[in-house]
Amino acid sequence: MLRFTIVDVADHIERFAPVYRLALPDPADGAVYEALARHFVDYGLTFIAQTDNPDLPRANRRVVAHFLAHGFAGAIKAWLGDDAITKDELIDAAVACAPAWWTR
């Protein structure tokens, strides 16, 4: 489930890469980074609310969603900031770092 989501997001970002590359590293304007993180927070909260995975941690769901969301947004920022990182490497890293309960 996560792999398709990160692939869809990566495809979108790749289509609009010039905009993201210009906006994400700007320390004076965190709006694009925050919008990206907010997308993942919303998705994470929805996913957590709908999953019946018994391994879902009992931790505060909003905190868990924010933690994961900023990890994904940070990985995307790293990908766009380094031409040596491929989209497939971004996807593989995001899937590898996602908790097991997220990917089942």
Protein backbone atom coordinates (compact mmCIF):
# COMPACT_ATOMS: atom_id res chain seq x y z
CA MET A 1 0.00 0.00 0.00
CA LEU A 2 2.73 2.50 0.92
CA ARG A 3 4.80 1.72 -2.16
CA PHE A 4 2.00 2.85 -4.46
CA THR A 5 1.50 6.02 -2.48
CA ILE A 6 5.16 7.03 -2.47
CA VAL A 7 5.42 6.13 -6.18
CA ASP A 8 2.42 8.35 -6.95
CA VAL A 9 3.90 11.20 -4.93
CA ALA A 10 7.34 10.72 -6.51
CA ASP A 11 5.79 10.74 -9.99
CA HIS A 12 3.95 13.98 -9.18
CA ILE A 13 7.08 15.62 -7.80
CA GLU A 14 9.10 14.45 -10.79
CA ARG A 15 6.55 16.09 -13.15
CA PHE A 16 6.86 19.38 -11.26
CA ALA A 17 10.52 19.01 -10.25
CA PRO A 18 11.58 22.54 -11.26
CA VAL A 19 9.00 24.04 -8.89
CA TYR A 20 9.88 21.71 -6.01
CA ARG A 21 13.64 22.14 -6.56
CA LEU A 22 13.25 25.89 -6.37
CA ALA A 23 10.90 25.97 -3.38
CA LEU A 24 12.00 23.13 -1.06
CA PRO A 25 15.50 24.35 -0.15
CA ASP A 26 14.45 27.97 0.41
CA PRO A 27 15.00 28.59 4.15
CA ALA A 28 12.82 31.70 4.01
CA ASP A 29 9.78 29.81 2.73
CA GLY A 30 8.87 26.44 4.19
CA ALA A 31 5.40 26.39 2.64
CA VAL A 32 6.10 23.71 0.05
CA TYR A 33 7.87 21.45 2.54
CA GLU A 34 5.02 21.94 5.02
CA ALA A 35 2.42 21.17 2.34
CA LEU A 36 4.27 17.98 1.48
CA ALA A 37 4.51 16.96 5.13
CA ARG A 38 0.85 17.83 5.68
CA HIS A 39 -0.10 15.53 2.78
CA PHE A 40 1.70 12.66 4.49
CA VAL A 41 0.25 13.53 7.92
CA ASP A 42 -3.27 13.41 6.48
CA TYR A 43 -2.56 10.17 4.67
CA GLY A 44 -0.93 8.70 7.77
CA LEU A 45 -3.84 9.56 10.04
CA THR A 46 -6.29 8.07 7.54
CA PHE A 47 -4.20 4.93 7.16
CA ILE A 48 -3.81 4.50 10.92
CA ALA A 49 -7.56 4.95 11.45
CA GLN A 50 -8.37 2.31 8.86
CA THR A 51 -5.73 -0.32 9.58
CA ASP A 52 -6.51 -3.38 11.63
CA ASN A 53 -2.87 -4.39 11.91
CA PRO A 54 -2.28 -5.74 15.42
CA ASP A 55 1.29 -4.37 15.38
CA LEU A 56 0.09 -0.75 15.25
CA PRO A 57 1.81 0.94 18.21
CA ARG A 58 -0.27 2.36 21.04
CA ALA A 59 1.58 5.68 20.75
CA ASN A 60 -0.23 8.92 20.03
CA ARG A 61 -1.44 8.59 16.43
CA ARG A 62 -0.98 12.25 15.57
CA VAL A 63 2.63 12.19 16.77
CA VAL A 64 3.31 8.96 14.83
CA ALA A 65 1.78 10.46 11.67
CA HIS A 66 3.88 13.63 11.99
CA PHE A 67 7.05 11.64 12.64
CA LEU A 68 6.55 9.54 9.51
CA ALA A 69 5.37 12.49 7.42
CA HIS A 70 8.45 14.58 8.08
CA GLY A 71 10.64 11.58 7.34
CA PHE A 72 9.00 11.16 3.94
CA ALA A 73 9.15 14.90 3.21
CA GLY A 74 12.81 14.98 4.26
CA ALA A 75 13.62 12.05 2.00
CA ILE A 76 11.98 13.84 -0.93
CA LYS A 77 13.95 17.00 -0.14
CA ALA A 78 17.17 14.95 -0.11
CA TRP A 79 16.27 13.35 -3.45
CA LEU A 80 15.62 16.68 -5.13
CA GLY A 81 18.75 18.23 -3.62
CA ASP A 82 21.12 15.56 -4.95
CA ASP A 83 21.17 14.65 -8.63
CA ALA A 84 22.97 11.40 -7.75
CA ILE A 85 19.85 10.07 -5.97
CA THR A 86 17.37 8.41 -8.31
CA LYS A 87 13.62 8.27 -7.93
CA ASP A 88 13.87 4.50 -7.44
CA GLU A 89 16.38 5.03 -4.62
CA LEU A 90 13.98 7.46 -2.97
CA ILE A 91 11.15 4.95 -3.21
CA ASP A 92 13.31 2.07 -1.96
CA ALA A 93 14.54 4.13 1.00
CA ALA A 94 11.05 5.30 1.96
CA VAL A 95 9.68 1.76 1.83
CA ALA A 96 12.69 0.42 3.76
CA CYS A 97 12.24 3.00 6.53
CA ALA A 98 8.48 2.62 6.89
CA PRO A 99 7.47 0.61 9.95
CA ALA A 100 6.41 -3.00 9.33
CA TRP A 101 2.85 -2.30 10.49
CA TRP A 102 2.54 0.38 7.76
CA THR A 103 3.47 -1.90 4.88
CA ARG A 104 1.30 -4.92 5.70
